[in-house]
Amino acid sequence: LTATVTKLQARKEAIVTEKDGKKGQVTDIEE
């Protein structure tokens, strides 16, 4: 369970990073 929680937290952080990157791309395209 601890290993699963750690993996899910890592994935959640990766999602935030990827989402921020996509938002940056959207901003660039809008400009």
PDB file of all heavy atoms in Angstrom:
ATOM      1  N   LEU A   1       0.836  -1.211   0.000  1.00  0.00           N
ATOM      2  CA  LEU A   1       0.000   0.000   0.000  1.00  0.00           C
ATOM      3  C   LEU A   1       0.868   1.259   0.000  1.00  0.00           C
ATOM      4  O   LEU A   1       0.567   2.223  -0.712  1.00  0.00           O
ATOM      5  CB  LEU A   1      -0.930  -0.007   1.212  1.00  0.00           C
ATOM      6  CG  LEU A   1      -2.022  -1.090   1.210  1.00  0.00           C
ATOM      7  CD1 LEU A   1      -2.789  -1.070   2.528  1.00  0.00           C
ATOM      8  CD2 LEU A   1      -2.965  -0.901   0.045  1.00  0.00           C
ATOM      9  N   THR A   2       1.922   1.257   0.757  1.00  0.00           N
ATOM     10  CA  THR A   2       2.825   2.414   0.809  1.00  0.00           C
ATOM     11  C   THR A   2       3.485   2.623  -0.558  1.00  0.00           C
ATOM     12  O   THR A   2       3.589   3.763  -1.041  1.00  0.00           O
ATOM     13  CB  THR A   2       3.904   2.210   1.895  1.00  0.00           C
ATOM     14  OG1 THR A   2       3.262   2.031   3.157  1.00  0.00           O
ATOM     15  CG2 THR A   2       4.827   3.409   1.970  1.00  0.00           C
ATOM     16  N   ALA A   3       3.904   1.543  -1.187  1.00  0.00           N
ATOM     17  CA  ALA A   3       4.525   1.634  -2.515  1.00  0.00           C
ATOM     18  C   ALA A   3       3.521   2.154  -3.537  1.00  0.00           C
ATOM     19  O   ALA A   3       3.847   2.987  -4.392  1.00  0.00           O
ATOM     20  CB  ALA A   3       5.061   0.271  -2.934  1.00  0.00           C
ATOM     21  N   THR A   4       2.285   1.710  -3.459  1.00  0.00           N
ATOM     22  CA  THR A   4       1.236   2.150  -4.379  1.00  0.00           C
ATOM     23  C   THR A   4       0.945   3.630  -4.188  1.00  0.00           C
ATOM     24  O   THR A   4       0.820   4.391  -5.156  1.00  0.00           O
ATOM     25  CB  THR A   4      -0.048   1.319  -4.180  1.00  0.00           C
ATOM     26  OG1 THR A   4       0.255  -0.065  -4.348  1.00  0.00           O
ATOM     27  CG2 THR A   4      -1.126   1.734  -5.170  1.00  0.00           C
ATOM     28  N   VAL A   5       0.847   4.049  -2.935  1.00  0.00           N
ATOM     29  CA  VAL A   5       0.619   5.473  -2.638  1.00  0.00           C
ATOM     30  C   VAL A   5       1.774   6.299  -3.178  1.00  0.00           C
ATOM     31  O   VAL A   5       1.570   7.364  -3.783  1.00  0.00           O
ATOM     32  CB  VAL A   5       0.423   5.697  -1.119  1.00  0.00           C
ATOM     33  CG1 VAL A   5       0.474   7.185  -0.788  1.00  0.00           C
ATOM     34  CG2 VAL A   5      -0.892   5.107  -0.655  1.00  0.00           C
ATOM     35  N   THR A   6       3.001   5.854  -3.013  1.00  0.00           N
ATOM     36  CA  THR A   6       4.178   6.580  -3.503  1.00  0.00           C
ATOM     37  C   THR A   6       4.123   6.705  -5.024  1.00  0.00           C
ATOM     38  O   THR A   6       4.400   7.779  -5.586  1.00  0.00           O
ATOM     39  CB  THR A   6       5.463   5.850  -3.064  1.00  0.00           C
ATOM     40  OG1 THR A   6       5.487   5.761  -1.643  1.00  0.00           O
ATOM     41  CG2 THR A   6       6.689   6.597  -3.531  1.00  0.00           C
ATOM     42  N   LYS A   7       3.773   5.611  -5.703  1.00  0.00           N
ATOM     43  CA  LYS A   7       3.662   5.639  -7.168  1.00  0.00           C
ATOM     44  C   LYS A   7       2.556   6.591  -7.618  1.00  0.00           C
ATOM     45  O   LYS A   7       2.721   7.347  -8.586  1.00  0.00           O
ATOM     46  CB  LYS A   7       3.386   4.240  -7.701  1.00  0.00           C
ATOM     47  CG  LYS A   7       4.576   3.317  -7.663  1.00  0.00           C
ATOM     48  CD  LYS A   7       4.218   1.955  -8.219  1.00  0.00           C
ATOM     49  CE  LYS A   7       5.379   0.986  -8.087  1.00  0.00           C
ATOM     50  NZ  LYS A   7       5.038  -0.348  -8.596  1.00  0.00           N
ATOM     51  N   LEU A   8       1.435   6.572  -6.927  1.00  0.00           N
ATOM     52  CA  LEU A   8       0.326   7.461  -7.290  1.00  0.00           C
ATOM     53  C   LEU A   8       0.688   8.925  -7.063  1.00  0.00           C
ATOM     54  O   LEU A   8       0.333   9.798  -7.866  1.00  0.00           O
ATOM     55  CB  LEU A   8      -0.935   7.088  -6.510  1.00  0.00           C
ATOM     56  CG  LEU A   8      -1.585   5.753  -6.897  1.00  0.00           C
ATOM     57  CD1 LEU A   8      -2.732   5.420  -5.941  1.00  0.00           C
ATOM     58  CD2 LEU A   8      -2.072   5.780  -8.332  1.00  0.00           C
ATOM     59  N   GLN A   9       1.412   9.204  -5.990  1.00  0.00           N
ATOM     60  CA  GLN A   9       1.843  10.582  -5.729  1.00  0.00           C
ATOM     61  C   GLN A   9       2.830  11.045  -6.804  1.00  0.00           C
ATOM     62  O   GLN A   9       2.763  12.186  -7.264  1.00  0.00           O
ATOM     63  CB  GLN A   9       2.471  10.691  -4.336  1.00  0.00           C
ATOM     64  CG  GLN A   9       1.458  10.629  -3.211  1.00  0.00           C
ATOM     65  CD  GLN A   9       2.111  10.607  -1.830  1.00  0.00           C
ATOM     66  OE1 GLN A   9       3.265  10.238  -1.685  1.00  0.00           O
ATOM     67  NE2 GLN A   9       1.333  10.979  -0.821  1.00  0.00           N
ATOM     68  N   ALA A  10       3.718  10.145  -7.207  1.00  0.00           N
ATOM     69  CA  ALA A  10       4.673  10.492  -8.259  1.00  0.00           C
ATOM     70  C   ALA A  10       3.936  10.769  -9.569  1.00  0.00           C
ATOM     71  O   ALA A  10       4.263  11.716 -10.302  1.00  0.00           O
ATOM     72  CB  ALA A  10       5.683   9.360  -8.437  1.00  0.00           C
ATOM     73  N   ARG A  11       2.941   9.948  -9.855  1.00  0.00           N
ATOM     74  CA  ARG A  11       2.159  10.157 -11.076  1.00  0.00           C
ATOM     75  C   ARG A  11       1.386  11.463 -11.008  1.00  0.00           C
ATOM     76  O   ARG A  11       1.284  12.209 -11.997  1.00  0.00           O
ATOM     77  CB  ARG A  11       1.183   8.981 -11.305  1.00  0.00           C
ATOM     78  CG  ARG A  11       0.304   9.122 -12.502  1.00  0.00           C
ATOM     79  CD  ARG A  11       1.081   9.194 -13.809  1.00  0.00           C
ATOM     80  NE  ARG A  11       0.180   9.464 -14.932  1.00  0.00           N
ATOM     81  CZ  ARG A  11       0.461  10.262 -15.942  1.00  0.00           C
ATOM     82  NH1 ARG A  11       1.640  10.842 -16.021  1.00  0.00           N
ATOM     83  NH2 ARG A  11      -0.410  10.458 -16.895  1.00  0.00           N
ATOM     84  N   LYS A  12       0.848  11.771  -9.826  1.00  0.00           N
ATOM     85  CA  LYS A  12       0.112  13.030  -9.650  1.00  0.00           C
ATOM     86  C   LYS A  12       1.039  14.218  -9.911  1.00  0.00           C
ATOM     87  O   LYS A  12       0.652  15.180 -10.575  1.00  0.00           O
ATOM     88  CB  LYS A  12      -0.477  13.094  -8.241  1.00  0.00           C
ATOM     89  CG  LYS A  12      -1.352  14.303  -8.014  1.00  0.00           C
ATOM     90  CD  LYS A  12      -1.976  14.274  -6.631  1.00  0.00           C
ATOM     91  CE  LYS A  12      -2.815  15.506  -6.391  1.00  0.00           C
ATOM     92  NZ  LYS A  12      -3.392  15.553  -5.060  1.00  0.00           N
ATOM     93  N   GLU A  13       2.259  14.164  -9.418  1.00  0.00           N
ATOM     94  CA  GLU A  13       3.237  15.242  -9.658  1.00  0.00           C
ATOM     95  C   GLU A  13       3.586  15.328 -11.148  1.00  0.00           C
ATOM     96  O   GLU A  13       3.722  16.429 -11.696  1.00  0.00           O
ATOM     97  CB  GLU A  13       4.490  15.005  -8.824  1.00  0.00           C
ATOM     98  CG  GLU A  13       4.269  15.224  -7.333  1.00  0.00           C
ATOM     99  CD  GLU A  13       5.480  14.824  -6.482  1.00  0.00           C
ATOM    100  OE1 GLU A  13       6.577  14.611  -7.056  1.00  0.00           O
ATOM    101  OE2 GLU A  13       5.327  14.725  -5.260  1.00  0.00           O
ATOM    102  N   ALA A  14       3.704  14.175 -11.789  1.00  0.00           N
ATOM    103  CA  ALA A  14       3.999  14.161 -13.220  1.00  0.00           C
ATOM    104  C   ALA A  14       2.849  14.789 -14.010  1.00  0.00           C
ATOM    105  O   ALA A  14       3.072  15.513 -14.987  1.00  0.00           O
ATOM    106  CB  ALA A  14       4.257  12.734 -13.690  1.00  0.00           C
ATOM    107  N   ILE A  15       1.635  14.513 -13.581  1.00  0.00           N
ATOM    108  CA  ILE A  15       0.459  15.091 -14.239  1.00  0.00           C
ATOM    109  C   ILE A  15       0.472  16.612 -14.114  1.00  0.00           C
ATOM    110  O   ILE A  15       0.213  17.329 -15.086  1.00  0.00           O
ATOM    111  CB  ILE A  15      -0.848  14.491 -13.657  1.00  0.00           C
ATOM    112  CG1 ILE A  15      -1.002  13.038 -14.129  1.00  0.00           C
ATOM    113  CG2 ILE A  15      -2.067  15.319 -14.050  1.00  0.00           C
ATOM    114  CD1 ILE A  15      -2.127  12.289 -13.443  1.00  0.00           C
ATOM    115  N   VAL A  16       0.785  17.119 -12.924  1.00  0.00           N
ATOM    116  CA  VAL A  16       0.840  18.573 -12.712  1.00  0.00           C
ATOM    117  C   VAL A  16       1.893  19.195 -13.622  1.00  0.00           C
ATOM    118  O   VAL A  16       1.657  20.215 -14.270  1.00  0.00           O
ATOM    119  CB  VAL A  16       1.117  18.894 -11.218  1.00  0.00           C
ATOM    120  CG1 VAL A  16       1.439  20.366 -11.030  1.00  0.00           C
ATOM    121  CG2 VAL A  16      -0.074  18.500 -10.361  1.00  0.00           C
ATOM    122  N   THR A  17       3.057  18.543 -13.702  1.00  0.00           N
ATOM    123  CA  THR A  17       4.140  19.056 -14.549  1.00  0.00           C
ATOM    124  C   THR A  17       3.724  19.050 -16.023  1.00  0.00           C
ATOM    125  O   THR A  17       3.929  20.025 -16.747  1.00  0.00           O
ATOM    126  CB  THR A  17       5.413  18.200 -14.362  1.00  0.00           C
ATOM    127  OG1 THR A  17       5.796  18.240 -12.989  1.00  0.00           O
ATOM    128  CG2 THR A  17       6.547  18.696 -15.214  1.00  0.00           C
ATOM    129  N   GLU A  18       3.126  17.941 -16.454  1.00  0.00           N
ATOM    130  CA  GLU A  18       2.687  17.834 -17.846  1.00  0.00           C
ATOM    131  C   GLU A  18       1.594  18.849 -18.155  1.00  0.00           C
ATOM    132  O   GLU A  18       1.589  19.487 -19.209  1.00  0.00           O
ATOM    133  CB  GLU A  18       2.179  16.416 -18.123  1.00  0.00           C
ATOM    134  CG  GLU A  18       1.885  16.149 -19.580  1.00  0.00           C
ATOM    135  CD  GLU A  18       1.514  14.697 -19.842  1.00  0.00           C
ATOM    136  OE1 GLU A  18       1.783  13.815 -18.999  1.00  0.00           O
ATOM    137  OE2 GLU A  18       0.925  14.458 -20.918  1.00  0.00           O
ATOM    138  N   LYS A  19       0.678  19.031 -17.217  1.00  0.00           N
ATOM    139  CA  LYS A  19      -0.418  19.999 -17.386  1.00  0.00           C
ATOM    140  C   LYS A  19       0.145  21.413 -17.515  1.00  0.00           C
ATOM    141  O   LYS A  19      -0.280  22.177 -18.390  1.00  0.00           O
ATOM    142  CB  LYS A  19      -1.378  19.900 -16.194  1.00  0.00           C
ATOM    143  CG  LYS A  19      -2.621  20.764 -16.341  1.00  0.00           C
ATOM    144  CD  LYS A  19      -3.593  20.518 -15.200  1.00  0.00           C
ATOM    145  CE  LYS A  19      -3.335  21.544 -14.126  1.00  0.00           C
ATOM    146  NZ  LYS A  19      -4.283  21.492 -13.018  1.00  0.00           N
ATOM    147  N   ASP A  20       1.102  21.750 -16.668  1.00  0.00           N
ATOM    148  CA  ASP A  20       1.723  23.077 -16.744  1.00  0.00           C
ATOM    149  C   ASP A  20       2.416  23.283 -18.095  1.00  0.00           C
ATOM    150  O   ASP A  20       2.351  24.369 -18.679  1.00  0.00           O
ATOM    151  CB  ASP A  20       2.708  23.275 -15.600  1.00  0.00           C
ATOM    152  CG  ASP A  20       2.030  23.418 -14.240  1.00  0.00           C
ATOM    153  OD1 ASP A  20       0.801  23.668 -14.211  1.00  0.00           O
ATOM    154  OD2 ASP A  20       2.729  23.267 -13.215  1.00  0.00           O
ATOM    155  N   GLY A  21       3.072  22.222 -18.573  1.00  0.00           N
ATOM    156  CA  GLY A  21       3.719  22.308 -19.886  1.00  0.00           C
ATOM    157  C   GLY A  21       2.713  22.543 -20.992  1.00  0.00           C
ATOM    158  O   GLY A  21       2.940  23.356 -21.896  1.00  0.00           O
ATOM    159  N   LYS A  22       1.600  21.845 -20.941  1.00  0.00           N
ATOM    160  CA  LYS A  22       0.546  22.008 -21.956  1.00  0.00           C
ATOM    161  C   LYS A  22      -0.053  23.412 -21.890  1.00  0.00           C
ATOM    162  O   LYS A  22      -0.340  24.025 -22.912  1.00  0.00           O
ATOM    163  CB  LYS A  22      -0.566  20.967 -21.780  1.00  0.00           C
ATOM    164  CG  LYS A  22      -0.126  19.534 -21.926  1.00  0.00           C
ATOM    165  CD  LYS A  22       0.245  19.207 -23.346  1.00  0.00           C
ATOM    166  CE  LYS A  22       0.641  17.734 -23.437  1.00  0.00           C
ATOM    167  NZ  LYS A  22       1.219  17.393 -24.717  1.00  0.00           N
ATOM    168  N   LYS A  23      -0.221  23.928 -20.666  1.00  0.00           N
ATOM    169  CA  LYS A  23      -0.744  25.294 -20.520  1.00  0.00           C
ATOM    170  C   LYS A  23       0.225  26.290 -21.147  1.00  0.00           C
ATOM    171  O   LYS A  23      -0.201  27.257 -21.798  1.00  0.00           O
ATOM    172  CB  LYS A  23      -0.963  25.634 -19.047  1.00  0.00           C
ATOM    173  CG  LYS A  23      -2.199  25.018 -18.452  1.00  0.00           C
ATOM    174  CD  LYS A  23      -2.366  25.454 -16.994  1.00  0.00           C
ATOM    175  CE  LYS A  23      -3.622  24.885 -16.373  1.00  0.00           C
ATOM    176  NZ  LYS A  23      -3.799  25.324 -14.983  1.00  0.00           N
ATOM    177  N   GLY A  24       1.508  26.055 -20.965  1.00  0.00           N
ATOM    178  CA  GLY A  24       2.515  26.928 -21.579  1.00  0.00           C
ATOM    179  C   GLY A  24       2.441  26.874 -23.091  1.00  0.00           C
ATOM    180  O   GLY A  24       2.553  27.905 -23.771  1.00  0.00           O
ATOM    181  N   GLN A  25       2.232  25.678 -23.641  1.00  0.00           N
ATOM    182  CA  GLN A  25       2.097  25.545 -25.085  1.00  0.00           C
ATOM    183  C   GLN A  25       0.860  26.264 -25.599  1.00  0.00           C
ATOM    184  O   GLN A  25       0.896  26.923 -26.644  1.00  0.00           O
ATOM    185  CB  GLN A  25       2.039  24.061 -25.476  1.00  0.00           C
ATOM    186  CG  GLN A  25       3.354  23.335 -25.300  1.00  0.00           C
ATOM    187  CD  GLN A  25       3.243  21.842 -25.574  1.00  0.00           C
ATOM    188  OE1 GLN A  25       2.179  21.250 -25.387  1.00  0.00           O
ATOM    189  NE2 GLN A  25       4.338  21.245 -26.019  1.00  0.00           N
ATOM    190  N   VAL A  26      -0.227  26.160 -24.868  1.00  0.00           N
ATOM    191  CA  VAL A  26      -1.467  26.850 -25.253  1.00  0.00           C
ATOM    192  C   VAL A  26      -1.235  28.355 -25.261  1.00  0.00           C
ATOM    193  O   VAL A  26      -1.645  29.058 -26.196  1.00  0.00           O
ATOM    194  CB  VAL A  26      -2.634  26.464 -24.312  1.00  0.00           C
ATOM    195  CG1 VAL A  26      -3.824  27.387 -24.516  1.00  0.00           C
ATOM    196  CG2 VAL A  26      -3.037  25.009 -24.524  1.00  0.00           C
ATOM    197  N   THR A  27      -0.559  28.865 -24.255  1.00  0.00           N
ATOM    198  CA  THR A  27      -0.264  30.301 -24.177  1.00  0.00           C
ATOM    199  C   THR A  27       0.590  30.729 -25.367  1.00  0.00           C
ATOM    200  O   THR A  27       0.319  31.767 -25.990  1.00  0.00           O
ATOM    201  CB  THR A  27       0.454  30.636 -22.856  1.00  0.00           C
ATOM    202  OG1 THR A  27      -0.400  30.266 -21.773  1.00  0.00           O
ATOM    203  CG2 THR A  27       0.776  32.107 -22.754  1.00  0.00           C
ATOM    204  N   ASP A  28       1.602  29.939 -25.695  1.00  0.00           N
ATOM    205  CA  ASP A  28       2.453  30.262 -26.842  1.00  0.00           C
ATOM    206  C   ASP A  28       1.642  30.287 -28.136  1.00  0.00           C
ATOM    207  O   ASP A  28       1.802  31.187 -28.963  1.00  0.00           O
ATOM    208  CB  ASP A  28       3.591  29.236 -26.981  1.00  0.00           C
ATOM    209  CG  ASP A  28       4.616  29.349 -25.858  1.00  0.00           C
ATOM    210  OD1 ASP A  28       4.636  30.376 -25.141  1.00  0.00           O
ATOM    211  OD2 ASP A  28       5.411  28.389 -25.704  1.00  0.00           O
ATOM    212  N   ILE A  29       0.779  29.308 -28.310  1.00  0.00           N
ATOM    213  CA  ILE A  29      -0.048  29.249 -29.521  1.00  0.00           C
ATOM    214  C   ILE A  29      -1.001  30.439 -29.583  1.00  0.00           C
ATOM    215  O   ILE A  29      -1.203  31.034 -30.652  1.00  0.00           O
ATOM    216  CB  ILE A  29      -0.815  27.909 -29.587  1.00  0.00           C
ATOM    217  CG1 ILE A  29       0.167  26.767 -29.844  1.00  0.00           C
ATOM    218  CG2 ILE A  29      -1.905  27.942 -30.644  1.00  0.00           C
ATOM    219  CD1 ILE A  29      -0.429  25.385 -29.704  1.00  0.00           C
ATOM    220  N   GLU A  30      -1.581  30.810 -28.460  1.00  0.00           N
ATOM    221  CA  GLU A  30      -2.483  31.971 -28.440  1.00  0.00           C
ATOM    222  C   GLU A  30      -1.740  33.242 -28.823  1.00  0.00           C
ATOM    223  O   GLU A  30      -2.283  34.088 -29.548  1.00  0.00           O
ATOM    224  CB  GLU A  30      -3.121  32.114 -27.058  1.00  0.00           C
ATOM    225  CG  GLU A  30      -4.178  31.060 -26.772  1.00  0.00           C
ATOM    226  CD  GLU A  30      -4.672  31.076 -25.338  1.00  0.00           C
ATOM    227  OE1 GLU A  30      -4.005  31.652 -24.457  1.00  0.00           O
ATOM    228  OE2 GLU A  30      -5.751  30.487 -25.095  1.00  0.00           O
ATOM    229  N   GLU A  31      -0.497  33.386 -28.385  1.00  0.00           N
ATOM    230  CA  GLU A  31       0.302  34.556 -28.750  1.00  0.00           C
ATOM    231  C   GLU A  31       0.601  34.548 -30.248  1.00  0.00           C
ATOM    232  O   GLU A  31       0.537  35.591 -30.907  1.00  0.00           O
ATOM    233  CB  GLU A  31       1.600  34.584 -27.945  1.00  0.00           C
ATOM    234  CG  GLU A  31       1.396  34.930 -26.484  1.00  0.00           C
ATOM    235  CD  GLU A  31       2.675  34.811 -25.649  1.00  0.00           C
ATOM    236  OE1 GLU A  31       3.767  34.618 -26.228  1.00  0.00           O
ATOM    237  OE2 GLU A  31       2.579  34.914 -24.416  1.00  0.00           O
TER     238      GLU A  31
END
